[in-house]
Amino acid sequence: MLCLFGVPDMGVEAMKEVPKIGLDAFCQKVLIYQAENDSVYVAFNNISDFGKLYYGKTNDDQRKVTLGMKAMITKAVSSRLKKLESRH
C-alpha cells in the first residue's frame, strides 16, 4: 500500500532554502509492504537525507518533517498492534 499525504505549511517552510526539494520529497509517501516471509515493513523518505544528498544541505524545518513522520508512523503502527493484540 502506498499512502500519499502532506502538511502544506511544513512543506513550504522545508522548501524555503532549497525549493527543488519539493520535487523529490513532497507530497510525503509511506510505503507499507509484506515480504515473502510475511514480515510487514513500513518505509518513508527522510527529507533531511534528501536535502543533504541532492542539495548539499538540510534545515530545521526539514528535520521537523522527518521527526514528525517518525512519530506519526510509530504511533499508527503501535495503535494497530495494540488492536490486534486485544483480539487474541
Protein backbone atom coordinates (compact mmCIF):
# COMPACT_ATOMS: atom_id res chain seq x y z
CA MET A 1 0.00 0.00 0.00
CA LEU A 2 1.34 3.43 -0.90
CA CYS A 3 -0.07 6.36 1.08
CA LEU A 4 0.44 9.94 -0.11
CA PHE A 5 -0.16 12.95 2.10
CA GLY A 6 1.26 16.27 3.20
CA VAL A 7 1.17 19.19 5.56
CA PRO A 8 1.43 22.21 3.25
CA ASP A 9 2.59 24.69 5.91
CA MET A 10 5.51 22.47 6.94
CA GLY A 11 6.34 21.71 3.31
CA VAL A 12 6.56 25.39 2.44
CA GLU A 13 8.93 26.03 5.34
CA ALA A 14 11.06 23.00 4.47
CA MET A 15 11.39 24.22 0.86
CA LYS A 16 12.35 27.83 1.62
CA GLU A 17 16.12 27.32 1.40
CA VAL A 18 16.00 24.58 -1.25
CA PRO A 19 12.77 24.85 -3.25
CA LYS A 20 13.64 21.96 -5.59
CA ILE A 21 13.39 19.51 -2.68
CA GLY A 22 9.64 19.70 -3.27
CA LEU A 23 10.09 17.66 -6.44
CA ASP A 24 11.61 14.77 -4.52
CA ALA A 25 10.14 14.91 -1.06
CA PHE A 26 6.60 16.32 -1.24
CA CYS A 27 3.95 15.05 -1.06
CA GLN A 28 5.19 12.63 1.56
CA LYS A 29 4.95 8.94 0.79
CA VAL A 30 4.71 5.99 3.15
CA LEU A 31 5.08 2.51 1.69
CA ILE A 32 3.74 -0.47 3.64
CA TYR A 33 4.59 -3.88 2.25
CA GLN A 34 4.71 -7.53 3.24
CA ALA A 35 7.79 -9.59 2.44
CA GLU A 36 7.73 -13.20 1.30
CA ASN A 37 8.44 -14.29 4.90
CA ASP A 38 5.21 -12.48 5.98
CA SER A 39 7.10 -9.69 7.79
CA VAL A 40 5.48 -6.29 7.32
CA TYR A 41 7.64 -3.23 6.65
CA VAL A 42 6.93 0.49 6.71
CA ALA A 43 9.21 2.78 4.71
CA PHE A 44 9.28 6.52 4.09
CA ASN A 45 11.66 9.11 2.71
CA ASN A 46 13.82 11.00 5.16
CA ILE A 47 13.51 14.59 3.93
CA SER A 48 16.67 15.69 5.74
CA ASP A 49 18.61 13.00 3.90
CA PHE A 50 17.10 14.16 0.59
CA GLY A 51 18.28 17.69 1.32
CA LYS A 52 21.83 16.58 2.10
CA LEU A 53 22.04 14.08 -0.75
CA TYR A 54 20.68 16.18 -3.58
CA TYR A 55 21.27 19.75 -2.47
CA GLY A 56 24.17 19.60 -0.04
CA LYS A 57 22.25 20.98 2.94
CA THR A 58 19.28 20.50 5.22
CA ASN A 59 17.42 22.80 7.59
CA ASP A 60 15.48 22.68 10.85
CA ASP A 61 12.13 22.55 9.08
CA GLN A 62 13.20 19.51 7.06
CA ARG A 63 14.32 17.84 10.28
CA LYS A 64 10.94 18.68 11.87
CA VAL A 65 9.12 16.97 8.99
CA THR A 66 11.29 13.86 9.37
CA LEU A 67 10.76 13.72 13.16
CA GLY A 68 7.03 14.24 12.69
CA MET A 69 6.87 11.41 10.17
CA LYS A 70 8.69 9.03 12.51
CA ALA A 71 6.40 9.95 15.40
CA MET A 72 3.22 9.60 13.32
CA ILE A 73 4.23 6.24 11.83
CA THR A 74 5.32 4.88 15.22
CA LYS A 75 2.00 5.94 16.77
CA ALA A 76 -0.05 4.43 13.93
CA VAL A 77 1.81 1.12 13.97
CA SER A 78 1.72 0.88 17.79
CA SER A 79 -2.02 1.58 17.80
CA ARG A 80 -2.65 -1.11 15.20
CA LEU A 81 -0.55 -3.66 17.09
CA LYS A 82 -2.47 -2.95 20.32
CA LYS A 83 -5.77 -3.52 18.49
CA LEU A 84 -4.52 -6.81 17.07
CA GLU A 85 -3.22 -7.96 20.47
CA SER A 86 -6.54 -7.16 22.16
CA ARG A 87 -8.34 -9.51 19.76
CA HIS A 88 -6.33 -12.53 20.95
